[in-house]
Amino acid sequence: MKIVIAGAGEVGTHLAKMLSNEEHDIVLLDDDPEKLQVISNQVDLLTVTGHANSFRDLKDAGIAKADLLIAVTPYEERNVMACIMAKESGALRTIARINNYEYLEEKHKETLRKLGVDELIYPENLAGKEIVYSLKEVATRQQIEFSGGKLVLMGVKIRSNAQIINKSLIEMAQFEPDMRIVAINRNNTTIIPHGRDVILEGDIVFFFTTRAWQVEMLELAGKEIFPVRNIMMVGGSRIAERTIKRLGDHYNIKLIEADKTRSEEIAGAFENVLVINGDGRNLELLKEERISQMDAFVAVTGDSETNILACHLAKRMGVKRTVARVENLDFMDIAESMDIGYVVNKKLIAASYIYKYTMGAEVARAKCLTASQAEVFEMVPKDGARITNTMLKDMQLPEDIIIGGITRNDKVMIAKGDTVILPGDRVVVFVLPSAIRKLNKYFT
């Protein structure tokens, strides 16, 4: 697939690095030659210096033969125009990054589709959605629902009180839950476990289960489920705005913002939010605002270190659920080592959303797991696909590809050795980066 990425910012460069590991022809277009030089030293791709909203520069990037244009510059007007111009020039599909929620309204989306913008992505909105979900599912490090919640992938940190601690996967069978363990993150390394592998304290265990078994699985993992009502947030970013809007009026929210002008803007936009102008790293301020009475603490400033430190302070003050925005990928492991409950990364969320459009197979959903070096896809095999009509135990799938669950005619099932996948099934697949290239071959 020939893919032109317009914008060598955080999202664009992360996507370029991901896609360059596969059999794609990648062109990265940006008006900053220094940014392009940096990534060209790291990744094998073609770079073009130019503007996304220039017919001449798009032509130089080979847009006429492009299967996909991904416009992710910081300027939404430029991204939208680039998509319109790319479609006019021959690109088959276009995606534009935006920062205006109005564009996501169906009537406006349809207008933009007619102009040539096939898909819209608003990373801050996606991040806000993730944060709200994490505040409702407090027992997990990450949780993803499929088939309307009937099938669930959960990543759970194993504590000393877990019934399954020091149990092998074979011994886990005695509990007879309807589940499948697909990965273990141990010491910041993701491993694919086998029957004799043992679950240890401190592991983050990823398992698929059904809604009916979800509560029991959390009990086996020793997890406490508690309601979140009182929330303290640090940082009046756009992610904070989208999170607050999604939370609605059902929560008591305090927001701390260092910039006075921004504090006034947030206070004027949300009558149900108490806004404090101050530094969220100031322990005395946190105490004064009764942080110990909070159920959750969310740090979404533009600085990863500030967010990690603020969440660490909140943990020390007894807050059970903490959420940190960590945009620097090098800090992800640090956040985990400091036991931050949930980490949100705008780049990974955006990349996951876009990634499904780069695969040849039909992909209903793609998701990057922030607590592991892995991706999860919901895929639909075509007629005659290699993955179909053979029991999984005889399939000889690569070790780094695991089938977690299947939806067939609204019925969900956890994958077992004797499971047979049929064309049209919705199949949830857990895969390490080393095997993503192989995955397409089984579903097309």
Protein backbone atom coordinates (compact mmCIF):
# COMPACT_ATOMS: atom_id res chain seq x y z
CA MET A 1 0.00 0.00 0.00
CA LYS A 2 1.29 3.48 -0.86
CA ILE A 3 0.65 5.81 2.07
CA VAL A 4 1.35 9.54 2.22
CA ILE A 5 1.53 11.00 5.74
CA ALA A 6 1.25 14.80 5.86
CA GLY A 7 2.68 16.11 9.13
CA ALA A 8 5.87 15.03 10.89
CA GLY A 9 4.61 15.84 14.38
CA GLU A 10 4.13 13.33 17.18
CA VAL A 11 1.24 11.43 15.59
CA GLY A 12 2.70 11.46 12.08
CA THR A 13 6.17 10.27 13.08
CA HIS A 14 4.77 7.56 15.34
CA LEU A 15 2.58 6.29 12.51
CA ALA A 16 5.50 6.40 10.08
CA LYS A 17 7.61 4.28 12.45
CA MET A 18 4.80 1.76 12.93
CA LEU A 19 3.98 1.41 9.25
CA SER A 20 7.59 1.30 8.08
CA ASN A 21 7.94 -2.13 9.73
CA GLU A 22 5.51 -3.53 7.20
CA GLU A 23 5.34 -3.88 3.45
CA HIS A 24 4.13 -0.33 2.78
CA ASP A 25 5.52 2.43 0.60
CA ILE A 26 5.61 5.37 3.04
CA VAL A 27 6.09 9.04 2.11
CA LEU A 28 6.29 11.65 4.88
CA LEU A 29 5.50 15.24 3.88
CA ASP A 30 6.26 18.25 6.12
CA ASP A 31 7.36 21.85 5.72
CA ASP A 32 10.11 21.48 8.36
CA PRO A 33 13.21 19.85 6.80
CA GLU A 34 14.85 19.41 10.22
CA LYS A 35 11.98 17.22 11.47
CA LEU A 36 12.17 15.15 8.30
CA GLN A 37 15.92 14.73 8.68
CA VAL A 38 15.52 13.41 12.22
CA ILE A 39 13.01 10.73 11.27
CA SER A 40 14.81 9.78 8.05
CA ASN A 41 17.81 8.90 10.22
CA GLN A 42 15.61 6.51 12.20
CA VAL A 43 13.21 5.06 9.64
CA ASP A 44 13.53 3.80 6.07
CA LEU A 45 11.06 6.00 4.19
CA LEU A 46 10.87 8.76 1.61
CA THR A 47 10.57 12.34 2.89
CA VAL A 48 9.32 15.35 0.94
CA THR A 49 9.69 18.94 2.14
CA GLY A 50 6.52 20.86 1.37
CA HIS A 51 3.05 21.91 2.46
CA ALA A 52 0.11 19.53 2.85
CA ASN A 53 -2.24 22.02 1.17
CA SER A 54 -0.13 22.50 -1.95
CA PHE A 55 -1.07 20.68 -5.15
CA ARG A 56 2.55 20.80 -6.29
CA ASP A 57 3.94 19.38 -3.03
CA LEU A 58 1.28 16.66 -2.90
CA LYS A 59 2.20 15.76 -6.47
CA ASP A 60 5.88 15.53 -5.47
CA ALA A 61 4.83 13.12 -2.70
CA GLY A 62 3.18 10.86 -5.31
CA ILE A 63 -0.40 11.52 -4.22
CA ALA A 64 -1.84 10.47 -7.59
CA LYS A 65 -0.93 6.84 -6.87
CA ALA A 66 -1.59 6.92 -3.11
CA ASP A 67 -3.91 4.37 -1.57
CA LEU A 68 -4.19 6.49 1.56
CA LEU A 69 -3.46 10.05 2.67
CA ILE A 70 -3.17 10.64 6.41
CA ALA A 71 -3.20 14.39 7.14
CA VAL A 72 -2.07 14.97 10.73
CA THR A 73 -0.46 18.42 10.76
CA PRO A 74 -1.29 20.64 13.79
CA TYR A 75 -3.68 22.70 11.61
CA GLU A 76 -7.10 21.19 10.97
CA GLU A 77 -7.88 23.55 8.07
CA ARG A 78 -4.70 22.41 6.33
CA ASN A 79 -5.55 18.75 7.01
CA VAL A 80 -9.08 19.06 5.62
CA MET A 81 -7.86 20.93 2.55
CA ALA A 82 -5.09 18.38 1.99
CA CYS A 83 -7.68 15.59 1.92
CA ILE A 84 -9.89 17.46 -0.55
CA MET A 85 -6.92 18.17 -2.81
CA ALA A 86 -5.57 14.62 -2.49
CA LYS A 87 -8.91 13.10 -3.49
CA GLU A 88 -9.08 15.45 -6.46
CA SER A 89 -5.55 14.35 -7.42
CA GLY A 90 -6.30 10.62 -7.32
CA ALA A 91 -5.79 9.38 -3.74
CA LEU A 92 -8.14 6.49 -2.96
CA ARG A 93 -8.81 7.23 0.73
CA THR A 94 -8.17 10.18 3.06
CA ILE A 95 -8.03 10.77 6.81
CA ALA A 96 -7.86 14.22 8.45
CA ARG A 97 -6.90 15.11 12.00
CA ILE A 98 -9.18 17.78 13.48
CA ASN A 99 -9.57 19.68 16.76
CA ASN A 100 -13.13 20.92 16.31
CA TYR A 101 -15.77 18.64 17.77
CA GLU A 102 -18.47 20.11 15.51
CA TYR A 103 -16.90 18.33 12.54
CA LEU A 104 -17.83 15.00 14.14
CA GLU A 105 -21.55 15.72 13.94
CA GLU A 106 -23.02 13.42 11.30
CA LYS A 107 -24.37 16.19 9.05
CA HIS A 108 -20.95 17.87 8.94
CA LYS A 109 -19.13 14.56 8.46
CA GLU A 110 -21.33 13.82 5.46
CA THR A 111 -20.57 17.23 3.97
CA LEU A 112 -16.86 16.63 4.36
CA ARG A 113 -17.15 13.13 2.85
CA LYS A 114 -18.71 14.63 -0.26
CA LEU A 115 -15.77 17.04 -0.48
CA GLY A 116 -13.24 14.20 -0.22
CA VAL A 117 -12.53 13.71 3.51
CA ASP A 118 -13.31 10.04 4.14
CA GLU A 119 -12.44 9.83 7.84
CA LEU A 120 -11.95 12.29 10.70
CA ILE A 121 -9.80 11.78 13.77
CA TYR A 122 -9.86 14.00 16.86
CA PRO A 123 -7.13 12.59 19.17
CA GLU A 124 -8.12 14.72 22.17
CA ASN A 125 -11.69 13.48 21.96
CA LEU A 126 -10.51 9.86 21.74
CA ALA A 127 -8.24 10.43 24.74
CA GLY A 128 -11.12 11.93 26.74
CA LYS A 129 -13.23 8.90 25.91
CA GLU A 130 -10.46 6.60 27.16
CA ILE A 131 -10.11 8.52 30.42
CA VAL A 132 -13.85 8.42 31.16
CA TYR A 133 -13.89 4.69 30.51
CA SER A 134 -10.92 4.20 32.85
CA LEU A 135 -12.79 6.05 35.62
CA LYS A 136 -15.71 3.65 35.24
CA GLU A 137 -13.57 0.49 35.11
CA VAL A 138 -11.33 1.15 38.10
CA ALA A 139 -10.19 -2.44 38.69
CA THR A 140 -8.23 -2.75 35.43
CA ARG A 141 -5.16 -1.17 33.90
CA GLN A 142 -6.88 -1.30 30.55
CA GLN A 143 -10.18 -2.73 29.40
CA ILE A 144 -11.61 -3.03 25.90
CA GLU A 145 -15.11 -4.24 25.10
CA PHE A 146 -16.23 -6.01 21.94
CA SER A 147 -19.68 -7.00 20.68
CA GLY A 148 -21.45 -4.47 22.89
CA GLY A 149 -19.54 -5.56 25.98
CA LYS A 150 -20.31 -9.27 25.67
CA LEU A 151 -16.61 -9.99 25.10
CA VAL A 152 -13.99 -8.19 27.20
CA LEU A 153 -10.21 -7.87 27.13
CA MET A 154 -8.87 -6.87 30.55
CA GLY A 155 -5.37 -6.02 31.70
CA VAL A 156 -5.12 -6.53 35.46
CA LYS A 157 -2.22 -5.83 37.85
CA ILE A 158 -1.73 -8.86 40.12
CA ARG A 159 -1.34 -8.04 43.83
CA SER A 160 -0.38 -10.28 46.74
CA ASN A 161 -4.04 -10.95 47.63
CA ALA A 162 -4.92 -12.51 44.26
CA GLN A 163 -6.15 -16.13 44.34
CA ILE A 164 -4.36 -16.82 41.06
CA ILE A 165 -0.93 -15.68 42.24
CA ASN A 166 1.78 -18.34 41.73
CA LYS A 167 -0.67 -20.43 39.72
CA SER A 168 0.27 -21.83 36.33
CA LEU A 169 -2.07 -21.52 33.40
CA ILE A 170 -2.76 -25.25 33.73
CA GLU A 171 -3.71 -24.79 37.39
CA MET A 172 -5.95 -21.88 36.44
CA ALA A 173 -8.23 -24.44 34.81
CA GLN A 174 -9.41 -25.53 38.29
CA PHE A 175 -11.28 -22.23 38.63
CA GLU A 176 -13.18 -23.09 35.44
CA PRO A 177 -13.72 -19.52 34.30
CA ASP A 178 -14.70 -18.80 30.73
CA MET A 179 -11.51 -16.94 29.91
CA ARG A 180 -8.22 -17.09 28.05
CA ILE A 181 -4.95 -15.50 29.18
CA VAL A 182 -3.24 -14.07 26.12
CA ALA A 183 -0.27 -12.15 27.53
CA ILE A 184 1.65 -11.20 30.64
CA ASN A 185 3.56 -7.95 31.02
CA ARG A 186 6.43 -8.62 33.42
CA ASN A 187 9.16 -6.07 34.12
CA ASN A 188 8.01 -4.01 31.13
CA THR A 189 8.34 -6.97 28.77
CA THR A 190 5.34 -8.66 27.13
CA ILE A 191 5.45 -12.47 27.05
CA ILE A 192 3.04 -14.91 25.44
CA PRO A 193 2.39 -17.51 28.18
CA HIS A 194 1.99 -21.27 27.86
CA GLY A 195 0.47 -23.91 30.11
CA ARG A 196 3.32 -24.15 32.63
CA ASP A 197 3.97 -20.40 32.89
CA VAL A 198 3.17 -19.04 36.37
CA ILE A 199 1.43 -15.78 37.29
CA LEU A 200 3.55 -13.70 39.66
CA GLU A 201 2.90 -10.73 41.92
CA GLY A 202 3.34 -7.50 39.97
CA ASP A 203 2.43 -9.02 36.61
CA ILE A 204 -0.09 -7.28 34.38
CA VAL A 205 -2.15 -10.15 33.02
CA PHE A 206 -4.25 -9.72 29.88
CA PHE A 207 -7.16 -12.08 29.50
CA PHE A 208 -10.28 -12.37 27.40
CA THR A 209 -13.51 -13.23 29.14
CA THR A 210 -17.25 -12.83 28.71
CA ARG A 211 -19.42 -10.32 30.52
CA ALA A 212 -20.91 -13.14 32.59
CA TRP A 213 -17.47 -14.06 33.99
CA GLN A 214 -16.03 -10.57 34.28
CA VAL A 215 -16.80 -9.98 37.97
CA GLU A 216 -15.56 -13.44 38.96
CA MET A 217 -12.29 -12.91 37.11
CA LEU A 218 -11.72 -9.63 38.94
CA GLU A 219 -12.41 -11.38 42.25
CA LEU A 220 -9.86 -14.09 41.40
CA ALA A 221 -7.37 -11.31 40.68
CA GLY A 222 -8.13 -9.75 44.09
CA LYS A 223 -9.51 -6.54 42.64
CA GLU A 224 -11.73 -4.09 44.51
CA ILE A 225 -14.48 -2.40 42.53
CA PHE A 226 -15.44 1.02 43.92
CA PRO A 227 -17.55 3.89 42.59
CA VAL A 228 -15.94 7.14 41.44
CA ARG A 229 -17.82 10.33 42.31
CA ASN A 230 -15.22 12.89 43.42
CA ILE A 231 -12.55 13.69 40.80
CA MET A 232 -9.61 16.06 40.90
CA MET A 233 -8.02 17.03 37.57
CA VAL A 234 -4.77 18.86 36.84
CA GLY A 235 -4.39 20.68 33.53
CA GLY A 236 -6.99 22.59 31.54
CA SER A 237 -6.02 21.02 28.21
CA ARG A 238 -8.36 20.12 25.36
CA ILE A 239 -8.23 16.55 26.65
CA ALA A 240 -9.50 17.84 30.00
CA GLU A 241 -12.34 19.66 28.23
CA ARG A 242 -13.42 16.57 26.30
CA THR A 243 -13.20 14.44 29.46
CA ILE A 244 -15.36 16.86 31.46
CA LYS A 245 -17.97 17.01 28.69
CA ARG A 246 -18.14 13.21 28.56
CA LEU A 247 -18.41 12.93 32.35
CA GLY A 248 -21.46 15.19 32.39
CA ASP A 249 -23.11 16.34 35.60
CA HIS A 250 -22.86 13.08 37.54
CA TYR A 251 -19.49 13.81 39.16
CA ASN A 252 -17.99 16.35 41.55
CA ILE A 253 -14.99 17.76 39.67
CA LYS A 254 -12.19 20.06 40.82
CA LEU A 255 -9.72 21.23 38.16
CA ILE A 256 -6.34 22.81 38.91
CA GLU A 257 -4.80 24.91 36.12
CA ALA A 258 -1.59 26.95 36.39
CA ASP A 259 -2.47 29.52 33.71
CA LYS A 260 -4.89 32.15 35.00
CA THR A 261 -6.43 32.97 31.61
CA ARG A 262 -7.02 29.31 30.85
CA SER A 263 -8.51 28.82 34.33
CA GLU A 264 -11.05 31.54 33.61
CA GLU A 265 -11.90 29.98 30.23
CA ILE A 266 -12.57 26.57 31.77
CA ALA A 267 -14.60 28.08 34.61
CA GLY A 268 -16.72 29.96 32.09
CA ALA A 269 -17.29 26.87 29.96
CA PHE A 270 -18.30 24.47 32.77
CA GLU A 271 -20.60 25.64 35.55
CA ASN A 272 -20.38 22.25 37.33
CA VAL A 273 -16.56 22.35 37.69
CA LEU A 274 -14.69 24.10 40.51
CA VAL A 275 -11.56 25.60 38.91
CA ILE A 276 -8.51 26.45 41.02
CA ASN A 277 -5.67 28.55 39.62
CA GLY A 278 -2.51 26.88 40.91
CA ASP A 279 0.25 24.29 40.48
CA GLY A 280 -0.96 20.68 40.56
CA ARG A 281 2.46 19.54 41.82
CA ASN A 282 2.13 21.64 44.97
CA LEU A 283 1.50 19.19 47.80
CA GLU A 284 0.15 21.86 50.14
CA LEU A 285 -2.36 22.98 47.52
CA LEU A 286 -3.48 19.38 46.97
CA LYS A 287 -3.97 18.94 50.72
CA GLU A 288 -5.84 22.23 50.96
CA GLU A 289 -8.22 21.07 48.21
CA ARG A 290 -8.81 17.80 50.14
CA ILE A 291 -7.16 15.41 47.76
CA SER A 292 -7.46 12.62 50.34
CA GLN A 293 -11.24 12.70 49.84
CA MET A 294 -10.99 12.16 46.07
CA ASP A 295 -11.92 8.87 44.44
CA ALA A 296 -9.83 9.62 41.35
CA PHE A 297 -7.06 11.96 40.21
CA VAL A 298 -6.51 12.81 36.52
CA ALA A 299 -3.39 14.67 35.33
CA VAL A 300 -3.63 15.88 31.72
CA THR A 301 -1.26 18.83 31.42
CA GLY A 302 0.94 19.05 28.33
CA ASP A 303 3.98 17.87 30.32
CA SER A 304 4.41 14.12 30.90
CA GLU A 305 6.75 14.53 33.87
CA THR A 306 4.31 16.88 35.64
CA ASN A 307 1.48 14.40 35.13
CA ILE A 308 3.47 11.43 36.44
CA LEU A 309 4.69 13.38 39.48
CA ALA A 310 1.21 14.70 40.27
CA CYS A 311 -0.29 11.20 40.09
CA HIS A 312 2.50 9.86 42.29
CA LEU A 313 1.70 12.51 44.91
CA ALA A 314 -2.01 11.64 44.65
CA LYS A 315 -1.23 7.96 45.25
CA ARG A 316 0.79 8.88 48.34
CA MET A 317 -2.21 10.86 49.60
CA GLY A 318 -4.47 7.81 49.33
CA VAL A 319 -6.27 8.32 46.01
CA LYS A 320 -7.21 4.87 44.68
CA ARG A 321 -7.47 5.64 40.97
CA THR A 322 -4.96 7.82 39.12
CA VAL A 323 -4.80 8.62 35.41
CA ALA A 324 -1.82 10.30 33.73
CA ARG A 325 -1.45 11.68 30.23
CA VAL A 326 2.02 10.57 29.13
CA GLU A 327 2.93 11.68 25.61
CA ASN A 328 6.65 10.89 25.88
CA LEU A 329 6.87 7.18 25.05
CA ASP A 330 10.16 6.92 26.93
CA PHE A 331 8.27 7.74 30.14
CA MET A 332 5.66 4.97 29.79
CA ASP A 333 7.74 2.43 31.69
CA ILE A 334 8.51 5.01 34.39
CA ALA A 335 4.79 5.65 34.88
CA GLU A 336 4.19 1.91 35.24
CA SER A 337 7.05 1.49 37.72
CA MET A 338 5.48 4.27 39.82
CA ASP A 339 2.20 2.33 39.79
CA ILE A 340 0.16 4.94 37.94
CA GLY A 341 -3.23 3.29 37.52
CA TYR A 342 -3.93 4.23 33.90
CA VAL A 343 -1.73 5.90 31.30
CA VAL A 344 -3.24 7.67 28.29
CA ASN A 345 -1.10 8.45 25.24
CA LYS A 346 -2.65 10.53 22.48
CA LYS A 347 -0.21 9.25 19.84
CA LEU A 348 -0.96 5.59 20.50
CA ILE A 349 -4.72 6.18 20.55
CA ALA A 350 -4.63 8.08 17.25
CA ALA A 351 -2.31 5.55 15.65
CA SER A 352 -4.58 2.67 16.65
CA TYR A 353 -7.60 4.41 15.16
CA ILE A 354 -5.83 5.07 11.87
CA TYR A 355 -3.97 1.76 11.70
CA LYS A 356 -6.97 -0.35 10.72
CA TYR A 357 -7.23 1.53 7.41
CA THR A 358 -3.75 0.32 6.42
CA MET A 359 -4.56 -3.39 6.57
CA GLY A 360 -5.80 -5.48 3.66
CA ALA A 361 -8.18 -7.55 5.78
CA GLU A 362 -11.48 -6.17 7.07
CA VAL A 363 -10.72 -4.66 10.47
CA ALA A 364 -13.66 -3.56 12.59
CA ARG A 365 -11.47 -2.21 15.38
CA ALA A 366 -7.80 -1.76 16.26
CA LYS A 367 -6.37 -0.88 19.64
CA CYS A 368 -2.88 -0.35 21.01
CA LEU A 369 -2.44 -1.64 24.56
CA THR A 370 -0.64 0.99 26.60
CA ALA A 371 0.34 -1.51 29.30
CA SER A 372 2.05 -3.88 26.85
CA GLN A 373 3.95 -3.90 23.57
CA ALA A 374 1.00 -5.32 21.67
CA GLU A 375 -2.04 -4.56 19.54
CA VAL A 376 -5.52 -6.05 19.57
CA PHE A 377 -7.63 -6.23 16.40
CA GLU A 378 -11.22 -7.19 15.74
CA MET A 379 -11.11 -8.72 12.26
CA VAL A 380 -13.56 -10.35 9.87
CA PRO A 381 -12.10 -13.19 7.72
CA LYS A 382 -13.06 -13.37 4.07
CA ASP A 383 -14.34 -16.46 2.27
CA GLY A 384 -11.45 -18.85 1.75
CA ALA A 385 -9.21 -17.13 4.35
CA ARG A 386 -6.52 -19.39 5.86
CA ILE A 387 -7.85 -18.81 9.37
CA THR A 388 -11.23 -20.41 8.56
CA ASN A 389 -12.61 -23.96 8.60
CA THR A 390 -9.74 -25.50 10.60
CA MET A 391 -9.50 -26.07 14.35
CA LEU A 392 -7.21 -23.51 15.94
CA LYS A 393 -4.98 -26.20 17.45
CA ASP A 394 -4.22 -27.41 13.91
CA MET A 395 -3.75 -23.91 12.50
CA GLN A 396 -0.07 -23.56 13.51
CA LEU A 397 -0.43 -19.85 14.06
CA PRO A 398 2.76 -17.90 14.85
CA GLU A 399 3.49 -17.86 18.56
CA ASP A 400 2.99 -14.09 18.75
CA ILE A 401 -0.59 -14.25 17.40
CA ILE A 402 -3.35 -15.39 19.76
CA ILE A 403 -7.06 -15.64 19.00
CA GLY A 404 -8.92 -14.40 22.07
CA GLY A 405 -12.62 -14.51 21.28
CA ILE A 406 -15.17 -14.78 18.50
CA THR A 407 -18.60 -13.28 17.84
CA ARG A 408 -20.94 -15.23 15.57
CA ASN A 409 -24.52 -14.10 15.03
CA ASP A 410 -24.52 -12.16 18.34
CA LYS A 411 -23.17 -15.18 20.21
CA VAL A 412 -19.72 -14.79 21.79
CA MET A 413 -17.23 -17.52 22.63
CA ILE A 414 -13.75 -17.66 24.11
CA ALA A 415 -11.34 -19.30 21.66
CA LYS A 416 -10.22 -22.84 22.53
CA GLY A 417 -8.08 -25.40 20.72
CA ASP A 418 -11.06 -27.03 19.02
CA THR A 419 -12.65 -23.71 17.97
CA VAL A 420 -13.30 -23.35 14.23
CA ILE A 421 -13.53 -19.85 12.76
CA LEU A 422 -16.02 -19.27 9.93
CA PRO A 423 -16.09 -16.56 7.24
CA GLY A 424 -17.96 -13.52 8.57
CA ASP A 425 -17.09 -14.14 12.23
CA ARG A 426 -15.80 -11.16 14.17
CA VAL A 427 -12.49 -12.42 15.56
CA VAL A 428 -10.56 -10.61 18.29
CA VAL A 429 -6.83 -11.13 17.85
CA PHE A 430 -4.00 -10.30 20.25
CA VAL A 431 -0.75 -9.75 18.36
CA LEU A 432 2.79 -8.58 19.06
CA PRO A 433 4.34 -6.06 16.62
CA SER A 434 6.60 -8.74 15.13
CA ALA A 435 3.57 -10.60 13.76
CA ILE A 436 1.28 -7.84 12.45
CA ARG A 437 2.61 -8.33 8.93
CA LYS A 438 1.77 -12.04 9.12
CA LEU A 439 -1.74 -11.39 10.43
CA ASN A 440 -3.17 -10.14 7.14
CA LYS A 441 -2.23 -13.38 5.39
CA TYR A 442 -4.53 -15.41 7.65
CA PHE A 443 -7.62 -13.20 7.16
CA THR A 444 -7.51 -12.36 3.43
